[in-house]
PDB file of all heavy atoms in Angstrom:
ATOM      1  N   ILE A   1     -91.675  65.043 -90.393  1.00  0.00           N
ATOM      2  CA  ILE A   1     -91.127  65.884 -89.356  1.00  0.00           C
ATOM      3  C   ILE A   1     -90.093  66.737 -90.058  1.00  0.00           C
ATOM      4  O   ILE A   1     -89.054  66.195 -90.492  1.00  0.00           O
ATOM      5  CB  ILE A   1     -90.497  65.022 -88.219  1.00  0.00           C
ATOM      6  CG1 ILE A   1     -91.578  64.116 -87.644  1.00  0.00           C
ATOM      7  CG2 ILE A   1     -89.956  65.891 -87.172  1.00  0.00           C
ATOM      8  CD1 ILE A   1     -91.032  63.104 -86.548  1.00  0.00           C
ATOM      9  N   GLY A   2     -90.369  67.996 -89.998  1.00  0.00           N
ATOM     10  CA  GLY A   2     -89.574  68.976 -90.775  1.00  0.00           C
ATOM     11  C   GLY A   2     -89.844  68.610 -92.215  1.00  0.00           C
ATOM     12  O   GLY A   2     -91.011  68.461 -92.656  1.00  0.00           O
ATOM     13  N   ASP A   3     -88.720  68.512 -93.033  1.00  0.00           N
ATOM     14  CA  ASP A   3     -88.913  68.205 -94.434  1.00  0.00           C
ATOM     15  C   ASP A   3     -88.732  66.721 -94.707  1.00  0.00           C
ATOM     16  O   ASP A   3     -88.603  66.302 -95.920  1.00  0.00           O
ATOM     17  CB  ASP A   3     -87.869  69.033 -95.245  1.00  0.00           C
ATOM     18  CG  ASP A   3     -88.152  70.555 -95.208  1.00  0.00           C
ATOM     19  OD1 ASP A   3     -89.377  70.840 -95.045  1.00  0.00           O
ATOM     20  OD2 ASP A   3     -87.214  71.438 -95.212  1.00  0.00           O
ATOM     21  N   ARG A   4     -88.504  65.873 -93.728  1.00  0.00           N
ATOM     22  CA  ARG A   4     -88.246  64.548 -93.820  1.00  0.00           C
ATOM     23  C   ARG A   4     -89.503  63.558 -93.731  1.00  0.00           C
ATOM     24  O   ARG A   4     -90.268  63.729 -92.751  1.00  0.00           O
ATOM     25  CB  ARG A   4     -87.172  64.115 -92.839  1.00  0.00           C
ATOM     26  CG  ARG A   4     -86.804  62.677 -92.964  1.00  0.00           C
ATOM     27  CD  ARG A   4     -85.564  62.274 -92.127  1.00  0.00           C
ATOM     28  NE  ARG A   4     -85.945  62.394 -90.672  1.00  0.00           N
ATOM     29  CZ  ARG A   4     -85.428  61.557 -89.721  1.00  0.00           C
ATOM     30  NH1 ARG A   4     -84.485  60.664 -90.069  1.00  0.00           N
ATOM     31  NH2 ARG A   4     -85.714  61.683 -88.508  1.00  0.00           N
ATOM     32  N   VAL A   5     -89.719  62.797 -94.764  1.00  0.00           N
ATOM     33  CA  VAL A   5     -90.747  61.784 -94.617  1.00  0.00           C
ATOM     34  C   VAL A   5     -90.326  60.699 -93.733  1.00  0.00           C
ATOM     35  O   VAL A   5     -89.122  60.139 -93.989  1.00  0.00           O
ATOM     36  CB  VAL A   5     -91.084  61.176 -95.925  1.00  0.00           C
ATOM     37  CG1 VAL A   5     -92.224  60.211 -95.860  1.00  0.00           C
ATOM     38  CG2 VAL A   5     -91.579  62.399 -96.920  1.00  0.00           C
ATOM     39  N   VAL A   6     -91.081  60.471 -92.641  1.00  0.00           N
ATOM     40  CA  VAL A   6     -90.582  59.453 -91.703  1.00  0.00           C
ATOM     41  C   VAL A   6     -91.442  58.099 -91.686  1.00  0.00           C
ATOM     42  O   VAL A   6     -91.384  57.323 -90.619  1.00  0.00           O
ATOM     43  CB  VAL A   6     -90.649  60.056 -90.282  1.00  0.00           C
ATOM     44  CG1 VAL A   6     -89.784  61.178 -90.101  1.00  0.00           C
ATOM     45  CG2 VAL A   6     -92.060  60.537 -89.878  1.00  0.00           C
ATOM     46  N   ASN A   7     -92.094  57.926 -92.754  1.00  0.00           N
ATOM     47  CA  ASN A   7     -93.046  56.640 -92.738  1.00  0.00           C
ATOM     48  C   ASN A   7     -92.228  55.409 -92.472  1.00  0.00           C
ATOM     49  O   ASN A   7     -92.668  54.541 -91.712  1.00  0.00           O
ATOM     50  CB  ASN A   7     -93.631  56.504 -94.132  1.00  0.00           C
ATOM     51  CG  ASN A   7     -94.730  57.538 -94.419  1.00  0.00           C
ATOM     52  OD1 ASN A   7     -94.612  58.645 -93.961  1.00  0.00           O
ATOM     53  ND2 ASN A   7     -95.703  57.098 -95.187  1.00  0.00           N
ATOM     54  N   ASP A   8     -90.878  55.352 -92.947  1.00  0.00           N
ATOM     55  CA  ASP A   8     -90.223  54.089 -92.777  1.00  0.00           C
ATOM     56  C   ASP A   8     -89.002  54.315 -91.795  1.00  0.00           C
ATOM     57  O   ASP A   8     -88.015  53.561 -91.824  1.00  0.00           O
ATOM     58  CB  ASP A   8     -89.581  53.763 -94.188  1.00  0.00           C
ATOM     59  CG  ASP A   8     -90.667  53.422 -95.149  1.00  0.00           C
ATOM     60  OD1 ASP A   8     -91.674  52.787 -94.754  1.00  0.00           O
ATOM     61  OD2 ASP A   8     -90.672  53.740 -96.319  1.00  0.00           O
ATOM     62  N   VAL A   9     -89.068  55.492 -91.017  1.00  0.00           N
ATOM     63  CA  VAL A   9     -87.931  55.723 -90.108  1.00  0.00           C
ATOM     64  C   VAL A   9     -88.406  55.072 -88.684  1.00  0.00           C
ATOM     65  O   VAL A   9     -89.487  55.183 -88.176  1.00  0.00           O
ATOM     66  CB  VAL A   9     -87.781  57.172 -89.901  1.00  0.00           C
ATOM     67  CG1 VAL A   9     -86.765  57.612 -88.779  1.00  0.00           C
ATOM     68  CG2 VAL A   9     -87.316  57.829 -91.203  1.00  0.00           C
ATOM     69  N   ALA A  10     -87.419  54.364 -88.065  1.00  0.00           N
ATOM     70  CA  ALA A  10     -87.702  53.778 -86.811  1.00  0.00           C
ATOM     71  C   ALA A  10     -88.040  54.894 -85.741  1.00  0.00           C
ATOM     72  O   ALA A  10     -87.519  55.955 -85.886  1.00  0.00           O
ATOM     73  CB  ALA A  10     -86.534  52.956 -86.319  1.00  0.00           C
ATOM     74  N   PRO A  11     -88.948  54.533 -84.755  1.00  0.00           N
ATOM     75  CA  PRO A  11     -89.253  55.440 -83.763  1.00  0.00           C
ATOM     76  C   PRO A  11     -88.072  56.125 -83.040  1.00  0.00           C
ATOM     77  O   PRO A  11     -88.107  57.407 -82.805  1.00  0.00           O
ATOM     78  CB  PRO A  11     -90.061  54.627 -82.723  1.00  0.00           C
ATOM     79  CG  PRO A  11     -90.625  53.571 -83.561  1.00  0.00           C
ATOM     80  CD  PRO A  11     -89.638  53.279 -84.456  1.00  0.00           C
ATOM     81  N   LYS A  12     -87.065  55.307 -82.768  1.00  0.00           N
ATOM     82  CA  LYS A  12     -85.852  55.909 -82.125  1.00  0.00           C
ATOM     83  C   LYS A  12     -85.079  56.976 -82.900  1.00  0.00           C
ATOM     84  O   LYS A  12     -84.268  57.727 -82.406  1.00  0.00           O
ATOM     85  CB  LYS A  12     -84.879  54.753 -81.558  1.00  0.00           C
ATOM     86  CG  LYS A  12     -84.250  53.988 -82.793  1.00  0.00           C
ATOM     87  CD  LYS A  12     -83.369  52.899 -82.308  1.00  0.00           C
ATOM     88  CE  LYS A  12     -82.692  52.160 -83.421  1.00  0.00           C
ATOM     89  NZ  LYS A  12     -81.790  52.944 -84.110  1.00  0.00           N
ATOM     90  N   ASP A  13     -85.228  56.902 -84.237  1.00  0.00           N
ATOM     91  CA  ASP A  13     -84.513  57.824 -85.107  1.00  0.00           C
ATOM     92  C   ASP A  13     -85.507  59.001 -85.551  1.00  0.00           C
ATOM     93  O   ASP A  13     -85.053  59.789 -86.467  1.00  0.00           O
ATOM     94  CB  ASP A  13     -84.055  57.072 -86.334  1.00  0.00           C
ATOM     95  CG  ASP A  13     -83.104  55.926 -85.962  1.00  0.00           C
ATOM     96  OD1 ASP A  13     -82.265  56.143 -85.050  1.00  0.00           O
ATOM     97  OD2 ASP A  13     -83.135  54.826 -86.543  1.00  0.00           O
ATOM     98  N   ARG A  14     -86.579  59.272 -84.991  1.00  0.00           N
ATOM     99  CA  ARG A  14     -87.494  60.307 -85.391  1.00  0.00           C
ATOM    100  C   ARG A  14     -87.224  61.544 -84.636  1.00  0.00           C
ATOM    101  O   ARG A  14     -87.894  62.599 -84.862  1.00  0.00           O
ATOM    102  CB  ARG A  14     -88.927  59.857 -85.300  1.00  0.00           C
ATOM    103  CG  ARG A  14     -89.309  58.765 -86.268  1.00  0.00           C
ATOM    104  CD  ARG A  14     -90.802  58.538 -86.356  1.00  0.00           C
ATOM    105  NE  ARG A  14     -91.146  57.393 -87.289  1.00  0.00           N
ATOM    106  CZ  ARG A  14     -92.298  57.234 -87.825  1.00  0.00           C
ATOM    107  NH1 ARG A  14     -93.280  58.006 -87.596  1.00  0.00           N
ATOM    108  NH2 ARG A  14     -92.445  56.101 -88.606  1.00  0.00           N
ATOM    109  N   ASP A  15     -86.394  61.539 -83.633  1.00  0.00           N
ATOM    110  CA  ASP A  15     -86.120  62.664 -82.737  1.00  0.00           C
ATOM    111  C   ASP A  15     -87.419  63.181 -82.076  1.00  0.00           C
ATOM    112  O   ASP A  15     -87.606  64.428 -82.090  1.00  0.00           O
ATOM    113  CB  ASP A  15     -85.360  63.793 -83.532  1.00  0.00           C
ATOM    114  CG  ASP A  15     -84.622  64.671 -82.575  1.00  0.00           C
ATOM    115  OD1 ASP A  15     -84.608  64.470 -81.436  1.00  0.00           O
ATOM    116  OD2 ASP A  15     -84.035  65.683 -83.089  1.00  0.00           O
ATOM    117  N   ILE A  16     -88.114  62.233 -81.505  1.00  0.00           N
ATOM    118  CA  ILE A  16     -89.367  62.668 -80.767  1.00  0.00           C
ATOM    119  C   ILE A  16     -89.352  62.079 -79.478  1.00  0.00           C
ATOM    120  O   ILE A  16     -88.573  61.269 -79.140  1.00  0.00           O
ATOM    121  CB  ILE A  16     -90.628  62.244 -81.513  1.00  0.00           C
ATOM    122  CG1 ILE A  16     -90.569  60.690 -81.792  1.00  0.00           C
ATOM    123  CG2 ILE A  16     -90.777  62.918 -82.843  1.00  0.00           C
ATOM    124  CD1 ILE A  16     -91.279  59.876 -80.828  1.00  0.00           C
ATOM    125  N   ALA A  17     -90.112  62.597 -78.496  1.00  0.00           N
ATOM    126  CA  ALA A  17     -90.144  62.032 -77.095  1.00  0.00           C
ATOM    127  C   ALA A  17     -91.635  61.931 -76.844  1.00  0.00           C
ATOM    128  O   ALA A  17     -92.419  62.874 -77.117  1.00  0.00           O
ATOM    129  CB  ALA A  17     -89.484  62.863 -76.103  1.00  0.00           C
ATOM    130  N   MET A  18     -92.053  60.799 -76.238  1.00  0.00           N
ATOM    131  CA  MET A  18     -93.509  60.595 -75.970  1.00  0.00           C
ATOM    132  C   MET A  18     -93.764  60.472 -74.486  1.00  0.00           C
ATOM    133  O   MET A  18     -93.064  59.724 -73.739  1.00  0.00           O
ATOM    134  CB  MET A  18     -93.909  59.354 -76.803  1.00  0.00           C
ATOM    135  CG  MET A  18     -95.526  59.183 -76.747  1.00  0.00           C
ATOM    136  SD  MET A  18     -95.899  58.056 -78.138  1.00  0.00           S
ATOM    137  CE  MET A  18     -97.722  58.062 -77.947  1.00  0.00           C
ATOM    138  N   VAL A  19     -94.743  61.119 -73.986  1.00  0.00           N
ATOM    139  CA  VAL A  19     -95.276  60.965 -72.600  1.00  0.00           C
ATOM    140  C   VAL A  19     -96.514  60.169 -72.741  1.00  0.00           C
ATOM    141  O   VAL A  19     -97.553  60.660 -73.329  1.00  0.00           O
ATOM    142  CB  VAL A  19     -95.426  62.279 -71.930  1.00  0.00           C
ATOM    143  CG1 VAL A  19     -95.920  62.098 -70.480  1.00  0.00           C
ATOM    144  CG2 VAL A  19     -94.126  63.216 -71.948  1.00  0.00           C
ATOM    145  N   PHE A  20     -96.558  58.993 -72.039  1.00  0.00           N
ATOM    146  CA  PHE A  20     -97.803  58.064 -72.083  1.00  0.00           C
ATOM    147  C   PHE A  20     -98.767  58.388 -70.978  1.00  0.00           C
ATOM    148  O   PHE A  20     -98.431  58.887 -69.912  1.00  0.00           O
ATOM    149  CB  PHE A  20     -97.276  56.702 -72.073  1.00  0.00           C
ATOM    150  CG  PHE A  20     -96.544  56.251 -73.207  1.00  0.00           C
ATOM    151  CD1 PHE A  20     -95.142  56.257 -73.175  1.00  0.00           C
ATOM    152  CD2 PHE A  20     -97.055  55.717 -74.367  1.00  0.00           C
ATOM    153  CE1 PHE A  20     -94.290  55.903 -74.302  1.00  0.00           C
ATOM    154  CE2 PHE A  20     -96.376  55.268 -75.336  1.00  0.00           C
ATOM    155  CZ  PHE A  20     -94.959  55.356 -75.379  1.00  0.00           C
ATOM    156  N   GLN A  21     -99.928  57.921 -71.150  1.00  0.00           N
ATOM    157  CA  GLN A  21    -101.032  58.049 -70.225  1.00  0.00           C
ATOM    158  C   GLN A  21    -100.730  57.375 -68.932  1.00  0.00           C
ATOM    159  O   GLN A  21    -100.980  57.845 -67.902  1.00  0.00           O
ATOM    160  CB  GLN A  21    -102.325  57.533 -70.833  1.00  0.00           C
ATOM    161  CG  GLN A  21    -103.555  57.558 -69.891  1.00  0.00           C
ATOM    162  CD  GLN A  21    -104.792  57.028 -70.537  1.00  0.00           C
ATOM    163  OE1 GLN A  21    -104.802  56.793 -71.812  1.00  0.00           O
ATOM    164  NE2 GLN A  21    -105.787  56.787 -69.863  1.00  0.00           N
ATOM    165  N   SER A  22    -100.075  56.277 -69.060  1.00  0.00           N
ATOM    166  CA  SER A  22     -99.728  55.383 -67.912  1.00  0.00           C
ATOM    167  C   SER A  22     -98.369  55.755 -67.254  1.00  0.00           C
ATOM    168  O   SER A  22     -97.961  55.114 -66.352  1.00  0.00           O
ATOM    169  CB  SER A  22     -99.724  53.945 -68.225  1.00  0.00           C
ATOM    170  OG  SER A  22     -98.723  53.681 -69.258  1.00  0.00           O
ATOM    171  N   TYR A  23     -97.651  56.881 -67.808  1.00  0.00           N
ATOM    172  CA  TYR A  23     -96.457  57.220 -67.325  1.00  0.00           C
ATOM    173  C   TYR A  23     -95.166  56.306 -67.794  1.00  0.00           C
ATOM    174  O   TYR A  23     -94.172  56.856 -68.148  1.00  0.00           O
ATOM    175  CB  TYR A  23     -96.323  57.465 -65.800  1.00  0.00           C
ATOM    176  CG  TYR A  23     -97.426  58.181 -65.200  1.00  0.00           C
ATOM    177  CD1 TYR A  23     -97.884  57.807 -63.966  1.00  0.00           C
ATOM    178  CD2 TYR A  23     -98.061  59.224 -65.796  1.00  0.00           C
ATOM    179  CE1 TYR A  23     -99.016  58.413 -63.372  1.00  0.00           C
ATOM    180  CE2 TYR A  23     -99.093  59.991 -65.268  1.00  0.00           C
ATOM    181  CZ  TYR A  23     -99.616  59.509 -64.020  1.00  0.00           C
ATOM    182  OH  TYR A  23    -100.651  60.110 -63.476  1.00  0.00           O
ATOM    183  N   ALA A  24     -95.524  54.977 -67.771  1.00  0.00           N
ATOM    184  CA  ALA A  24     -94.441  54.119 -68.278  1.00  0.00           C
ATOM    185  C   ALA A  24     -93.200  54.244 -67.500  1.00  0.00           C
ATOM    186  O   ALA A  24     -92.072  54.146 -68.172  1.00  0.00           O
ATOM    187  CB  ALA A  24     -94.332  54.170 -69.741  1.00  0.00           C
ATOM    188  N   LEU A  25     -93.187  54.348 -66.244  1.00  0.00           N
ATOM    189  CA  LEU A  25     -91.857  54.431 -65.449  1.00  0.00           C
ATOM    190  C   LEU A  25     -91.434  53.041 -65.029  1.00  0.00           C
ATOM    191  O   LEU A  25     -92.256  52.252 -64.745  1.00  0.00           O
ATOM    192  CB  LEU A  25     -92.078  55.282 -64.205  1.00  0.00           C
ATOM    193  CG  LEU A  25     -92.567  56.795 -64.435  1.00  0.00           C
ATOM    194  CD1 LEU A  25     -92.795  57.500 -63.088  1.00  0.00           C
ATOM    195  CD2 LEU A  25     -91.574  57.477 -65.283  1.00  0.00           C
ATOM    196  N   TYR A  26     -90.178  52.877 -64.974  1.00  0.00           N
ATOM    197  CA  TYR A  26     -89.587  51.605 -64.524  1.00  0.00           C
ATOM    198  C   TYR A  26     -89.628  51.491 -62.956  1.00  0.00           C
ATOM    199  O   TYR A  26     -89.020  52.396 -62.335  1.00  0.00           O
ATOM    200  CB  TYR A  26     -88.185  51.381 -65.038  1.00  0.00           C
ATOM    201  CG  TYR A  26     -88.050  51.395 -66.577  1.00  0.00           C
ATOM    202  CD1 TYR A  26     -87.521  52.478 -67.304  1.00  0.00           C
ATOM    203  CD2 TYR A  26     -88.398  50.232 -67.180  1.00  0.00           C
ATOM    204  CE1 TYR A  26     -87.447  52.397 -68.595  1.00  0.00           C
ATOM    205  CE2 TYR A  26     -88.333  50.131 -68.592  1.00  0.00           C
ATOM    206  CZ  TYR A  26     -87.828  51.185 -69.282  1.00  0.00           C
ATOM    207  OH  TYR A  26     -87.775  51.151 -70.691  1.00  0.00           O
ATOM    208  N   PRO A  27     -90.390  50.646 -62.472  1.00  0.00           N
ATOM    209  CA  PRO A  27     -90.589  50.626 -60.941  1.00  0.00           C
ATOM    210  C   PRO A  27     -89.318  50.338 -60.163  1.00  0.00           C
ATOM    211  O   PRO A  27     -89.244  50.790 -58.982  1.00  0.00           O
ATOM    212  CB  PRO A  27     -91.624  49.566 -60.772  1.00  0.00           C
ATOM    213  CG  PRO A  27     -91.497  48.701 -61.916  1.00  0.00           C
ATOM    214  CD  PRO A  27     -91.106  49.519 -63.104  1.00  0.00           C
ATOM    215  N   HIS A  28     -88.373  49.714 -60.737  1.00  0.00           N
ATOM    216  CA  HIS A  28     -87.112  49.240 -59.962  1.00  0.00           C
ATOM    217  C   HIS A  28     -86.055  50.406 -60.006  1.00  0.00           C
ATOM    218  O   HIS A  28     -85.070  50.146 -59.379  1.00  0.00           O
ATOM    219  CB  HIS A  28     -86.680  48.022 -60.419  1.00  0.00           C
ATOM    220  CG  HIS A  28     -86.152  47.974 -61.901  1.00  0.00           C
ATOM    221  ND1 HIS A  28     -87.077  48.014 -62.934  1.00  0.00           N
ATOM    222  CD2 HIS A  28     -84.870  47.908 -62.446  1.00  0.00           C
ATOM    223  CE1 HIS A  28     -86.402  48.076 -64.132  1.00  0.00           C
ATOM    224  NE2 HIS A  28     -85.104  47.972 -63.864  1.00  0.00           N
ATOM    225  N   MET A  29     -86.290  51.395 -60.882  1.00  0.00           N
ATOM    226  CA  MET A  29     -85.286  52.487 -61.101  1.00  0.00           C
ATOM    227  C   MET A  29     -85.690  53.684 -60.229  1.00  0.00           C
ATOM    228  O   MET A  29     -86.797  53.978 -60.029  1.00  0.00           O
ATOM    229  CB  MET A  29     -85.114  52.834 -62.537  1.00  0.00           C
ATOM    230  CG  MET A  29     -84.643  51.715 -63.383  1.00  0.00           C
ATOM    231  SD  MET A  29     -84.421  52.409 -65.064  1.00  0.00           S
ATOM    232  CE  MET A  29     -83.813  51.017 -66.012  1.00  0.00           C
ATOM    233  N   SER A  30     -84.647  54.341 -59.871  1.00  0.00           N
ATOM    234  CA  SER A  30     -84.921  55.758 -59.192  1.00  0.00           C
ATOM    235  C   SER A  30     -85.367  56.670 -60.235  1.00  0.00           C
ATOM    236  O   SER A  30     -85.351  56.474 -61.381  1.00  0.00           O
ATOM    237  CB  SER A  30     -83.606  56.221 -58.586  1.00  0.00           C
ATOM    238  OG  SER A  30     -82.638  56.560 -59.627  1.00  0.00           O
ATOM    239  N   VAL A  31     -85.873  57.860 -59.756  1.00  0.00           N
ATOM    240  CA  VAL A  31     -86.258  58.951 -60.610  1.00  0.00           C
ATOM    241  C   VAL A  31     -85.173  59.274 -61.500  1.00  0.00           C
ATOM    242  O   VAL A  31     -85.353  59.523 -62.686  1.00  0.00           O
ATOM    243  CB  VAL A  31     -86.807  60.158 -59.782  1.00  0.00           C
ATOM    244  CG1 VAL A  31     -86.928  61.302 -60.666  1.00  0.00           C
ATOM    245  CG2 VAL A  31     -88.042  59.717 -59.079  1.00  0.00           C
ATOM    246  N   PHE A  32     -83.902  59.435 -60.999  1.00  0.00           N
ATOM    247  CA  PHE A  32     -82.861  59.812 -61.748  1.00  0.00           C
ATOM    248  C   PHE A  32     -82.568  58.865 -62.906  1.00  0.00           C
ATOM    249  O   PHE A  32     -82.366  59.215 -64.039  1.00  0.00           O
ATOM    250  CB  PHE A  32     -81.532  59.963 -60.940  1.00  0.00           C
ATOM    251  CG  PHE A  32     -80.331  60.437 -61.716  1.00  0.00           C
ATOM    252  CD1 PHE A  32     -79.948  61.798 -61.698  1.00  0.00           C
ATOM    253  CD2 PHE A  32     -79.520  59.489 -62.354  1.00  0.00           C
ATOM    254  CE1 PHE A  32     -78.780  62.169 -62.457  1.00  0.00           C
ATOM    255  CE2 PHE A  32     -78.409  59.883 -63.131  1.00  0.00           C
ATOM    256  CZ  PHE A  32     -78.089  61.196 -63.157  1.00  0.00           C
ATOM    257  N   ASP A  33     -82.637  57.569 -62.527  1.00  0.00           N
ATOM    258  CA  ASP A  33     -82.305  56.491 -63.522  1.00  0.00           C
ATOM    259  C   ASP A  33     -83.397  56.435 -64.627  1.00  0.00           C
ATOM    260  O   ASP A  33     -83.073  56.104 -65.794  1.00  0.00           O
ATOM    261  CB  ASP A  33     -82.093  55.175 -62.906  1.00  0.00           C
ATOM    262  CG  ASP A  33     -80.790  55.127 -62.149  1.00  0.00           C
ATOM    263  OD1 ASP A  33     -79.834  55.766 -62.539  1.00  0.00           O
ATOM    264  OD2 ASP A  33     -80.635  54.357 -61.117  1.00  0.00           O
ATOM    265  N   ASN A  34     -84.662  56.658 -64.161  1.00  0.00           N
ATOM    266  CA  ASN A  34     -85.726  56.656 -65.101  1.00  0.00           C
ATOM    267  C   ASN A  34     -85.486  57.826 -66.186  1.00  0.00           C
ATOM    268  O   ASN A  34     -85.758  57.615 -67.459  1.00  0.00           O
ATOM    269  CB  ASN A  34     -87.103  56.922 -64.505  1.00  0.00           C
ATOM    270  CG  ASN A  34     -87.787  55.613 -64.139  1.00  0.00           C
ATOM    271  OD1 ASN A  34     -88.389  54.977 -65.043  1.00  0.00           O
ATOM    272  ND2 ASN A  34     -87.745  55.182 -62.968  1.00  0.00           N
TER     273      ASN A  34
END
């Protein structure tokens, strides 16, 4: 990603955001909290 090899970088540290097929929303949270 850019000039950085991310093979061993944790997902949270890759500066990416993923939208899943199932949406993966927390059912007990409001839209704002999600």
